[in-house]
Structures are given as structure tokens and as C-alpha cells.
Amino acid sequence: MKGSQTRTTLLVLAGAYLLYLAWEMLNTMRKGETEMQPWLSIVFIVFFTLAGLGVFVLAWRARRQEKEQQEIEKKNGSQKDETHLTKG
């Protein structure tokens, strides 16, 4: 369980970094300080934005799956406790 929390945290950080890159590229392009062609800057801004949002979606799904698994384990654990108490 600890490893999956670490994985989710790293996914969120990676997504945030990709969005940061897109934001910085956009600001650089708006100021006219970029050496890239404007169309190429736009392509990379869109790519980094979509990639960052995609990584956030992956992290959200992983966290949701993790919570569902915890609920199932908790439910199964309480059922085992109840059967143990009734047999005893």
C-alpha cells in the first residue's frame, strides 16, 4: 500500500511539472523571448498540457482504485472477524 501511495504522489508531481513546462513555454512565447518557431511552441505547449492532464487523470484513477481496494479489504476483514466470533 505504501508503494502505491508513492507512485500516486510521483504521478501528481510529474503532471504538475509537465503543466509547469507548458506554462513557462507559454509565458516565454507571449513575451517574444523564444527562439523556436511560434507554431512549434504551440505544438509543445499543447503536448505538455495534455500530457500533464493525462498524468493527473492516471494519478486520480490510481488513487481511486487504491481507496476501493482498501474498502474491500476492510469489508473482508470485518466479515472474517464476525465469522471468527460466531464460530467461537
PDB file of N, CA and C in Angstrom:
ATOM      1  N   MET A   1       0.832  -1.185   0.000  1.00  0.00           N
ATOM      2  CA  MET A   1       0.000   0.000   0.000  1.00  0.00           C
ATOM      3  C   MET A   1       0.879   1.251   0.000  1.00  0.00           C
ATOM      4  N   LYS A   2       1.988   1.211   0.699  1.00  0.00           N
ATOM      5  CA  LYS A   2       2.868   2.375   0.765  1.00  0.00           C
ATOM      6  C   LYS A   2       3.460   2.678  -0.608  1.00  0.00           C
ATOM      7  N   GLY A   3       3.787   1.638  -1.370  1.00  0.00           N
ATOM      8  CA  GLY A   3       4.343   1.831  -2.700  1.00  0.00           C
ATOM      9  C   GLY A   3       3.366   2.471  -3.650  1.00  0.00           C
ATOM     10  N   SER A   4       2.084   2.128  -3.523  1.00  0.00           N
ATOM     11  CA  SER A   4       1.089   2.723  -4.414  1.00  0.00           C
ATOM     12  C   SER A   4       0.861   4.196  -4.072  1.00  0.00           C
ATOM     13  N   GLN A   5       0.979   4.551  -2.808  1.00  0.00           N
ATOM     14  CA  GLN A   5       0.860   5.961  -2.430  1.00  0.00           C
ATOM     15  C   GLN A   5       2.044   6.757  -2.976  1.00  0.00           C
ATOM     16  N   THR A   6       3.218   6.155  -2.955  1.00  0.00           N
ATOM     17  CA  THR A   6       4.401   6.797  -3.507  1.00  0.00           C
ATOM     18  C   THR A   6       4.244   6.974  -5.010  1.00  0.00           C
ATOM     19  N   ARG A   7       3.725   5.947  -5.664  1.00  0.00           N
ATOM     20  CA  ARG A   7       3.507   6.012  -7.107  1.00  0.00           C
ATOM     21  C   ARG A   7       2.528   7.137  -7.456  1.00  0.00           C
ATOM     22  N   THR A   8       1.447   7.220  -6.711  1.00  0.00           N
ATOM     23  CA  THR A   8       0.451   8.257  -6.958  1.00  0.00           C
ATOM     24  C   THR A   8       1.055   9.645  -6.746  1.00  0.00           C
ATOM     25  N   THR A   9       1.836   9.808  -5.705  1.00  0.00           N
ATOM     26  CA  THR A   9       2.477  11.085  -5.425  1.00  0.00           C
ATOM     27  C   THR A   9       3.436  11.471  -6.551  1.00  0.00           C
ATOM     28  N   LEU A  10       4.215  10.497  -7.031  1.00  0.00           N
ATOM     29  CA  LEU A  10       5.137  10.784  -8.125  1.00  0.00           C
ATOM     30  C   LEU A  10       4.398  11.134  -9.415  1.00  0.00           C
ATOM     31  N   LEU A  11       3.269  10.494  -9.652  1.00  0.00           N
ATOM     32  CA  LEU A  11       2.466  10.839 -10.825  1.00  0.00           C
ATOM     33  C   LEU A  11       1.952  12.271 -10.739  1.00  0.00           C
ATOM     34  N   VAL A  12       1.490  12.662  -9.568  1.00  0.00           N
ATOM     35  CA  VAL A  12       0.999  14.030  -9.392  1.00  0.00           C
ATOM     36  C   VAL A  12       2.138  15.029  -9.610  1.00  0.00           C
ATOM     37  N   LEU A  13       3.308  14.732  -9.072  1.00  0.00           N
ATOM     38  CA  LEU A  13       4.455  15.628  -9.261  1.00  0.00           C
ATOM     39  C   LEU A  13       4.860  15.711 -10.728  1.00  0.00           C
ATOM     40  N   ALA A  14       4.839  14.587 -11.429  1.00  0.00           N
ATOM     41  CA  ALA A  14       5.186  14.588 -12.851  1.00  0.00           C
ATOM     42  C   ALA A  14       4.171  15.399 -13.652  1.00  0.00           C
ATOM     43  N   GLY A  15       2.897  15.231 -13.338  1.00  0.00           N
ATOM     44  CA  GLY A  15       1.864  16.006 -14.020  1.00  0.00           C
ATOM     45  C   GLY A  15       2.012  17.489 -13.767  1.00  0.00           C
ATOM     46  N   ALA A  16       2.311  17.838 -12.537  1.00  0.00           N
ATOM     47  CA  ALA A  16       2.497  19.248 -12.196  1.00  0.00           C
ATOM     48  C   ALA A  16       3.702  19.826 -12.934  1.00  0.00           C
ATOM     49  N   TYR A  17       4.755  19.045 -13.051  1.00  0.00           N
ATOM     50  CA  TYR A  17       5.949  19.519 -13.760  1.00  0.00           C
ATOM     51  C   TYR A  17       5.657  19.735 -15.243  1.00  0.00           C
ATOM     52  N   LEU A  18       4.911  18.823 -15.855  1.00  0.00           N
ATOM     53  CA  LEU A  18       4.561  18.980 -17.269  1.00  0.00           C
ATOM     54  C   LEU A  18       3.709  20.231 -17.482  1.00  0.00           C
ATOM     55  N   LEU A  19       2.771  20.486 -16.576  1.00  0.00           N
ATOM     56  CA  LEU A  19       1.964  21.698 -16.676  1.00  0.00           C
ATOM     57  C   LEU A  19       2.815  22.953 -16.452  1.00  0.00           C
ATOM     58  N   TYR A  20       3.775  22.853 -15.562  1.00  0.00           N
ATOM     59  CA  TYR A  20       4.698  23.969 -15.336  1.00  0.00           C
ATOM     60  C   TYR A  20       5.496  24.268 -16.600  1.00  0.00           C
ATOM     61  N   LEU A  21       5.981  23.216 -17.268  1.00  0.00           N
ATOM     62  CA  LEU A  21       6.722  23.419 -18.512  1.00  0.00           C
ATOM     63  C   LEU A  21       5.858  24.110 -19.563  1.00  0.00           C
ATOM     64  N   ALA A  22       4.622  23.671 -19.684  1.00  0.00           N
ATOM     65  CA  ALA A  22       3.708  24.289 -20.650  1.00  0.00           C
ATOM     66  C   ALA A  22       3.488  25.755 -20.310  1.00  0.00           C
ATOM     67  N   TRP A  23       3.291  26.050 -19.040  1.00  0.00           N
ATOM     68  CA  TRP A  23       3.055  27.429 -18.604  1.00  0.00           C
ATOM     69  C   TRP A  23       4.271  28.313 -18.892  1.00  0.00           C
ATOM     70  N   GLU A  24       5.450  27.810 -18.592  1.00  0.00           N
ATOM     71  CA  GLU A  24       6.665  28.582 -18.843  1.00  0.00           C
ATOM     72  C   GLU A  24       6.876  28.815 -20.338  1.00  0.00           C
ATOM     73  N   MET A  25       6.597  27.794 -21.141  1.00  0.00           N
ATOM     74  CA  MET A  25       6.729  27.972 -22.587  1.00  0.00           C
ATOM     75  C   MET A  25       5.737  29.009 -23.099  1.00  0.00           C
ATOM     76  N   LEU A  26       4.520  28.986 -22.561  1.00  0.00           N
ATOM     77  CA  LEU A  26       3.511  29.961 -22.967  1.00  0.00           C
ATOM     78  C   LEU A  26       3.939  31.376 -22.601  1.00  0.00           C
ATOM     79  N   ASN A  27       4.437  31.553 -21.380  1.00  0.00           N
ATOM     80  CA  ASN A  27       4.902  32.879 -20.954  1.00  0.00           C
ATOM     81  C   ASN A  27       6.074  33.363 -21.795  1.00  0.00           C
ATOM     82  N   THR A  28       7.007  32.477 -22.099  1.00  0.00           N
ATOM     83  CA  THR A  28       8.159  32.838 -22.917  1.00  0.00           C
ATOM     84  C   THR A  28       7.719  33.225 -24.319  1.00  0.00           C
ATOM     85  N   MET A  29       6.761  32.492 -24.857  1.00  0.00           N
ATOM     86  CA  MET A  29       6.269  32.796 -26.193  1.00  0.00           C
ATOM     87  C   MET A  29       5.536  34.141 -26.208  1.00  0.00           C
ATOM     88  N   ARG A  30       4.731  34.392 -25.184  1.00  0.00           N
ATOM     89  CA  ARG A  30       3.976  35.649 -25.126  1.00  0.00           C
ATOM     90  C   ARG A  30       4.897  36.856 -25.011  1.00  0.00           C
ATOM     91  N   LYS A  31       6.012  36.692 -24.312  1.00  0.00           N
ATOM     92  CA  LYS A  31       6.970  37.790 -24.161  1.00  0.00           C
ATOM     93  C   LYS A  31       7.844  37.961 -25.409  1.00  0.00           C
ATOM     94  N   GLY A  32       7.805  36.979 -26.293  1.00  0.00           N
ATOM     95  CA  GLY A  32       8.624  37.050 -27.501  1.00  0.00           C
ATOM     96  C   GLY A  32      10.071  36.679 -27.275  1.00  0.00           C
ATOM     97  N   GLU A  33      10.347  35.968 -26.198  1.00  0.00           N
ATOM     98  CA  GLU A  33      11.720  35.611 -25.847  1.00  0.00           C
ATOM     99  C   GLU A  33      12.123  34.230 -26.355  1.00  0.00           C
ATOM    100  N   THR A  34      11.249  33.548 -27.063  1.00  0.00           N
ATOM    101  CA  THR A  34      11.555  32.199 -27.513  1.00  0.00           C
ATOM    102  C   THR A  34      12.328  32.236 -28.827  1.00  0.00           C
ATOM    103  N   GLU A  35      13.176  31.262 -29.022  1.00  0.00           N
ATOM    104  CA  GLU A  35      13.921  31.142 -30.267  1.00  0.00           C
ATOM    105  C   GLU A  35      13.269  30.135 -31.203  1.00  0.00           C
ATOM    106  N   MET A  36      12.231  29.471 -30.728  1.00  0.00           N
ATOM    107  CA  MET A  36      11.524  28.500 -31.558  1.00  0.00           C
ATOM    108  C   MET A  36      10.508  29.200 -32.438  1.00  0.00           C
ATOM    109  N   GLN A  37      10.129  28.505 -33.481  1.00  0.00           N
ATOM    110  CA  GLN A  37       9.046  28.993 -34.325  1.00  0.00           C
ATOM    111  C   GLN A  37       7.763  29.011 -33.496  1.00  0.00           C
ATOM    112  N   PRO A  38       6.905  30.010 -33.675  1.00  0.00           N
ATOM    113  CA  PRO A  38       5.667  30.077 -32.871  1.00  0.00           C
ATOM    114  C   PRO A  38       4.785  28.827 -33.000  1.00  0.00           C
ATOM    115  N   TRP A  39       4.681  28.265 -34.179  1.00  0.00           N
ATOM    116  CA  TRP A  39       3.837  27.077 -34.341  1.00  0.00           C
ATOM    117  C   TRP A  39       4.406  25.890 -33.578  1.00  0.00           C
ATOM    118  N   LEU A  40       5.735  25.804 -33.522  1.00  0.00           N
ATOM    119  CA  LEU A  40       6.366  24.709 -32.788  1.00  0.00           C
ATOM    120  C   LEU A  40       6.163  24.890 -31.278  1.00  0.00           C
ATOM    121  N   SER A  41       6.249  26.128 -30.822  1.00  0.00           N
ATOM    122  CA  SER A  41       5.988  26.410 -29.408  1.00  0.00           C
ATOM    123  C   SER A  41       4.561  25.998 -29.036  1.00  0.00           C
ATOM    124  N   ILE A  42       3.621  26.331 -29.904  1.00  0.00           N
ATOM    125  CA  ILE A  42       2.220  25.985 -29.638  1.00  0.00           C
ATOM    126  C   ILE A  42       2.037  24.478 -29.586  1.00  0.00           C
ATOM    127  N   VAL A  43       2.695  23.761 -30.494  1.00  0.00           N
ATOM    128  CA  VAL A  43       2.608  22.296 -30.502  1.00  0.00           C
ATOM    129  C   VAL A  43       3.108  21.737 -29.173  1.00  0.00           C
ATOM    130  N   PHE A  44       4.256  22.223 -28.707  1.00  0.00           N
ATOM    131  CA  PHE A  44       4.803  21.722 -27.450  1.00  0.00           C
ATOM    132  C   PHE A  44       3.973  22.149 -26.240  1.00  0.00           C
ATOM    133  N   ILE A  45       3.423  23.341 -26.273  1.00  0.00           N
ATOM    134  CA  ILE A  45       2.560  23.785 -25.174  1.00  0.00           C
ATOM    135  C   ILE A  45       1.340  22.876 -25.070  1.00  0.00           C
ATOM    136  N   VAL A  46       0.723  22.595 -26.211  1.00  0.00           N
ATOM    137  CA  VAL A  46      -0.447  21.705 -26.217  1.00  0.00           C
ATOM    138  C   VAL A  46      -0.044  20.308 -25.755  1.00  0.00           C
ATOM    139  N   PHE A  47       1.082  19.816 -26.248  1.00  0.00           N
ATOM    140  CA  PHE A  47       1.547  18.476 -25.866  1.00  0.00           C
ATOM    141  C   PHE A  47       1.783  18.379 -24.363  1.00  0.00           C
ATOM    142  N   PHE A  48       2.536  19.331 -23.800  1.00  0.00           N
ATOM    143  CA  PHE A  48       2.834  19.286 -22.363  1.00  0.00           C
ATOM    144  C   PHE A  48       1.570  19.446 -21.519  1.00  0.00           C
ATOM    145  N   THR A  49       0.649  20.279 -21.981  1.00  0.00           N
ATOM    146  CA  THR A  49      -0.601  20.456 -21.248  1.00  0.00           C
ATOM    147  C   THR A  49      -1.416  19.165 -21.240  1.00  0.00           C
ATOM    148  N   LEU A  50      -1.575  18.557 -22.408  1.00  0.00           N
ATOM    149  CA  LEU A  50      -2.341  17.309 -22.480  1.00  0.00           C
ATOM    150  C   LEU A  50      -1.656  16.180 -21.717  1.00  0.00           C
ATOM    151  N   ALA A  51      -0.334  16.119 -21.820  1.00  0.00           N
ATOM    152  CA  ALA A  51       0.401  15.086 -21.089  1.00  0.00           C
ATOM    153  C   ALA A  51       0.261  15.285 -19.582  1.00  0.00           C
ATOM    154  N   GLY A  52       0.379  16.522 -19.125  1.00  0.00           N
ATOM    155  CA  GLY A  52       0.229  16.801 -17.689  1.00  0.00           C
ATOM    156  C   GLY A  52      -1.152  16.446 -17.183  1.00  0.00           C
ATOM    157  N   LEU A  53      -2.170  16.827 -17.948  1.00  0.00           N
ATOM    158  CA  LEU A  53      -3.540  16.486 -17.545  1.00  0.00           C
ATOM    159  C   LEU A  53      -3.758  14.967 -17.586  1.00  0.00           C
ATOM    160  N   GLY A  54      -3.172  14.313 -18.577  1.00  0.00           N
ATOM    161  CA  GLY A  54      -3.282  12.857 -18.656  1.00  0.00           C
ATOM    162  C   GLY A  54      -2.646  12.159 -17.465  1.00  0.00           C
ATOM    163  N   VAL A  55      -1.508  12.657 -17.037  1.00  0.00           N
ATOM    164  CA  VAL A  55      -0.840  12.078 -15.867  1.00  0.00           C
ATOM    165  C   VAL A  55      -1.666  12.322 -14.606  1.00  0.00           C
ATOM    166  N   PHE A  56      -2.305  13.492 -14.504  1.00  0.00           N
ATOM    167  CA  PHE A  56      -3.192  13.745 -13.368  1.00  0.00           C
ATOM    168  C   PHE A  56      -4.365  12.761 -13.360  1.00  0.00           C
ATOM    169  N   VAL A  57      -4.921  12.472 -14.531  1.00  0.00           N
ATOM    170  CA  VAL A  57      -6.023  11.511 -14.614  1.00  0.00           C
ATOM    171  C   VAL A  57      -5.540  10.132 -14.177  1.00  0.00           C
ATOM    172  N   LEU A  58      -4.353   9.731 -14.612  1.00  0.00           N
ATOM    173  CA  LEU A  58      -3.797   8.439 -14.176  1.00  0.00           C
ATOM    174  C   LEU A  58      -3.629   8.393 -12.658  1.00  0.00           C
ATOM    175  N   ALA A  59      -3.129   9.472 -12.087  1.00  0.00           N
ATOM    176  CA  ALA A  59      -2.944   9.521 -10.633  1.00  0.00           C
ATOM    177  C   ALA A  59      -4.281   9.444  -9.913  1.00  0.00           C
ATOM    178  N   TRP A  60      -5.284  10.155 -10.434  1.00  0.00           N
ATOM    179  CA  TRP A  60      -6.614  10.132  -9.816  1.00  0.00           C
ATOM    180  C   TRP A  60      -7.203   8.729  -9.871  1.00  0.00           C
ATOM    181  N   ARG A  61      -7.087   8.068 -11.022  1.00  0.00           N
ATOM    182  CA  ARG A  61      -7.611   6.697 -11.150  1.00  0.00           C
ATOM    183  C   ARG A  61      -6.877   5.734 -10.221  1.00  0.00           C
ATOM    184  N   ALA A  62      -5.569   5.873 -10.120  1.00  0.00           N
ATOM    185  CA  ALA A  62      -4.787   5.006  -9.240  1.00  0.00           C
ATOM    186  C   ALA A  62      -5.205   5.208  -7.795  1.00  0.00           C
ATOM    187  N   ARG A  63      -5.413   6.450  -7.392  1.00  0.00           N
ATOM    188  CA  ARG A  63      -5.835   6.735  -6.017  1.00  0.00           C
ATOM    189  C   ARG A  63      -7.230   6.197  -5.746  1.00  0.00           C
ATOM    190  N   ARG A  64      -8.128   6.344  -6.729  1.00  0.00           N
ATOM    191  CA  ARG A  64      -9.492   5.838  -6.572  1.00  0.00           C
ATOM    192  C   ARG A  64      -9.477   4.315  -6.444  1.00  0.00           C
ATOM    193  N   GLN A  65      -8.667   3.654  -7.267  1.00  0.00           N
ATOM    194  CA  GLN A  65      -8.553   2.195  -7.195  1.00  0.00           C
ATOM    195  C   GLN A  65      -7.984   1.765  -5.844  1.00  0.00           C
ATOM    196  N   GLU A  66      -7.022   2.506  -5.361  1.00  0.00           N
ATOM    197  CA  GLU A  66      -6.407   2.209  -4.073  1.00  0.00           C
ATOM    198  C   GLU A  66      -7.432   2.313  -2.949  1.00  0.00           C
ATOM    199  N   LYS A  67      -8.257   3.351  -2.976  1.00  0.00           N
ATOM    200  CA  LYS A  67      -9.286   3.513  -1.942  1.00  0.00           C
ATOM    201  C   LYS A  67     -10.327   2.399  -2.019  1.00  0.00           C
ATOM    202  N   GLU A  68     -10.732   2.022  -3.235  1.00  0.00           N
ATOM    203  CA  GLU A  68     -11.692   0.929  -3.392  1.00  0.00           C
ATOM    204  C   GLU A  68     -11.113  -0.371  -2.842  1.00  0.00           C
ATOM    205  N   GLN A  69      -9.829  -0.610  -3.117  1.00  0.00           N
ATOM    206  CA  GLN A  69      -9.184  -1.822  -2.608  1.00  0.00           C
ATOM    207  C   GLN A  69      -9.126  -1.810  -1.079  1.00  0.00           C
ATOM    208  N   GLN A  70      -8.863  -0.657  -0.496  1.00  0.00           N
ATOM    209  CA  GLN A  70      -8.826  -0.553   0.963  1.00  0.00           C
ATOM    210  C   GLN A  70     -10.199  -0.837   1.559  1.00  0.00           C
ATOM    211  N   GLU A  71     -11.254  -0.332   0.911  1.00  0.00           N
ATOM    212  CA  GLU A  71     -12.611  -0.577   1.396  1.00  0.00           C
ATOM    213  C   GLU A  71     -12.961  -2.057   1.303  1.00  0.00           C
ATOM    214  N   ILE A  72     -12.567  -2.711   0.217  1.00  0.00           N
ATOM    215  CA  ILE A  72     -12.827  -4.146   0.058  1.00  0.00           C
ATOM    216  C   ILE A  72     -12.087  -4.931   1.125  1.00  0.00           C
ATOM    217  N   GLU A  73     -10.818  -4.572   1.356  1.00  0.00           N
ATOM    218  CA  GLU A  73     -10.038  -5.270   2.379  1.00  0.00           C
ATOM    219  C   GLU A  73     -10.624  -5.047   3.764  1.00  0.00           C
ATOM    220  N   LYS A  74     -11.081  -3.834   4.023  1.00  0.00           N
ATOM    221  CA  LYS A  74     -11.688  -3.538   5.324  1.00  0.00           C
ATOM    222  C   LYS A  74     -12.971  -4.337   5.505  1.00  0.00           C
ATOM    223  N   LYS A  75     -13.772  -4.404   4.444  1.00  0.00           N
ATOM    224  CA  LYS A  75     -15.027  -5.144   4.496  1.00  0.00           C
ATOM    225  C   LYS A  75     -14.771  -6.638   4.691  1.00  0.00           C
ATOM    226  N   ASN A  76     -13.831  -7.179   3.958  1.00  0.00           N
ATOM    227  CA  ASN A  76     -13.486  -8.590   4.094  1.00  0.00           C
ATOM    228  C   ASN A  76     -12.890  -8.877   5.459  1.00  0.00           C
ATOM    229  N   GLY A  77     -12.118  -7.961   5.977  1.00  0.00           N
ATOM    230  CA  GLY A  77     -11.535  -8.143   7.311  1.00  0.00           C
ATOM    231  C   GLY A  77     -12.597  -8.145   8.386  1.00  0.00           C
ATOM    232  N   SER A  78     -13.603  -7.287   8.277  1.00  0.00           N
ATOM    233  CA  SER A  78     -14.657  -7.250   9.283  1.00  0.00           C
ATOM    234  C   SER A  78     -15.541  -8.490   9.174  1.00  0.00           C
ATOM    235  N   GLN A  79     -15.734  -9.021   7.968  1.00  0.00           N
ATOM    236  CA  GLN A  79     -16.516 -10.246   7.810  1.00  0.00           C
ATOM    237  C   GLN A  79     -15.776 -11.430   8.416  1.00  0.00           C
ATOM    238  N   LYS A  80     -14.458 -11.487   8.268  1.00  0.00           N
ATOM    239  CA  LYS A  80     -13.672 -12.569   8.862  1.00  0.00           C
ATOM    240  C   LYS A  80     -13.756 -12.492  10.390  1.00  0.00           C
ATOM    241  N   ASP A  81     -13.702 -11.271  10.930  1.00  0.00           N
ATOM    242  CA  ASP A  81     -13.810 -11.102  12.371  1.00  0.00           C
ATOM    243  C   ASP A  81     -15.154 -11.589  12.874  1.00  0.00           C
ATOM    244  N   GLU A  82     -16.233 -11.284  12.153  1.00  0.00           N
ATOM    245  CA  GLU A  82     -17.572 -11.691  12.555  1.00  0.00           C
ATOM    246  C   GLU A  82     -17.716 -13.207  12.510  1.00  0.00           C
ATOM    247  N   THR A  83     -17.200 -13.866  11.487  1.00  0.00           N
ATOM    248  CA  THR A  83     -17.300 -15.329  11.390  1.00  0.00           C
ATOM    249  C   THR A  83     -16.451 -15.986  12.455  1.00  0.00           C
ATOM    250  N   HIS A  84     -15.324 -15.394  12.778  1.00  0.00           N
ATOM    251  CA  HIS A  84     -14.480 -15.939  13.836  1.00  0.00           C
ATOM    252  C   HIS A  84     -15.172 -15.852  15.179  1.00  0.00           C
ATOM    253  N   LEU A  85     -15.866 -14.764  15.431  1.00  0.00           N
ATOM    254  CA  LEU A  85     -16.563 -14.583  16.702  1.00  0.00           C
ATOM    255  C   LEU A  85     -17.780 -15.524  16.801  1.00  0.00           C
ATOM    256  N   THR A  86     -18.479 -15.763  15.721  1.00  0.00           N
ATOM    257  CA  THR A  86     -19.668 -16.622  15.782  1.00  0.00           C
ATOM    258  C   THR A  86     -19.277 -18.096  15.895  1.00  0.00           C
ATOM    259  N   LYS A  87     -18.137 -18.500  15.383  1.00  0.00           N
ATOM    260  CA  LYS A  87     -17.709 -19.891  15.478  1.00  0.00           C
ATOM    261  C   LYS A  87     -17.180 -20.204  16.872  1.00  0.00           C
ATOM    262  N   GLY A  88     -16.645 -19.216  17.526  1.00  0.00           N
ATOM    263  CA  GLY A  88     -16.003 -19.410  18.817  1.00  0.00           C
ATOM    264  C   GLY A  88     -16.970 -19.520  19.900  1.00  0.00           C
TER     265      GLY A  88
END
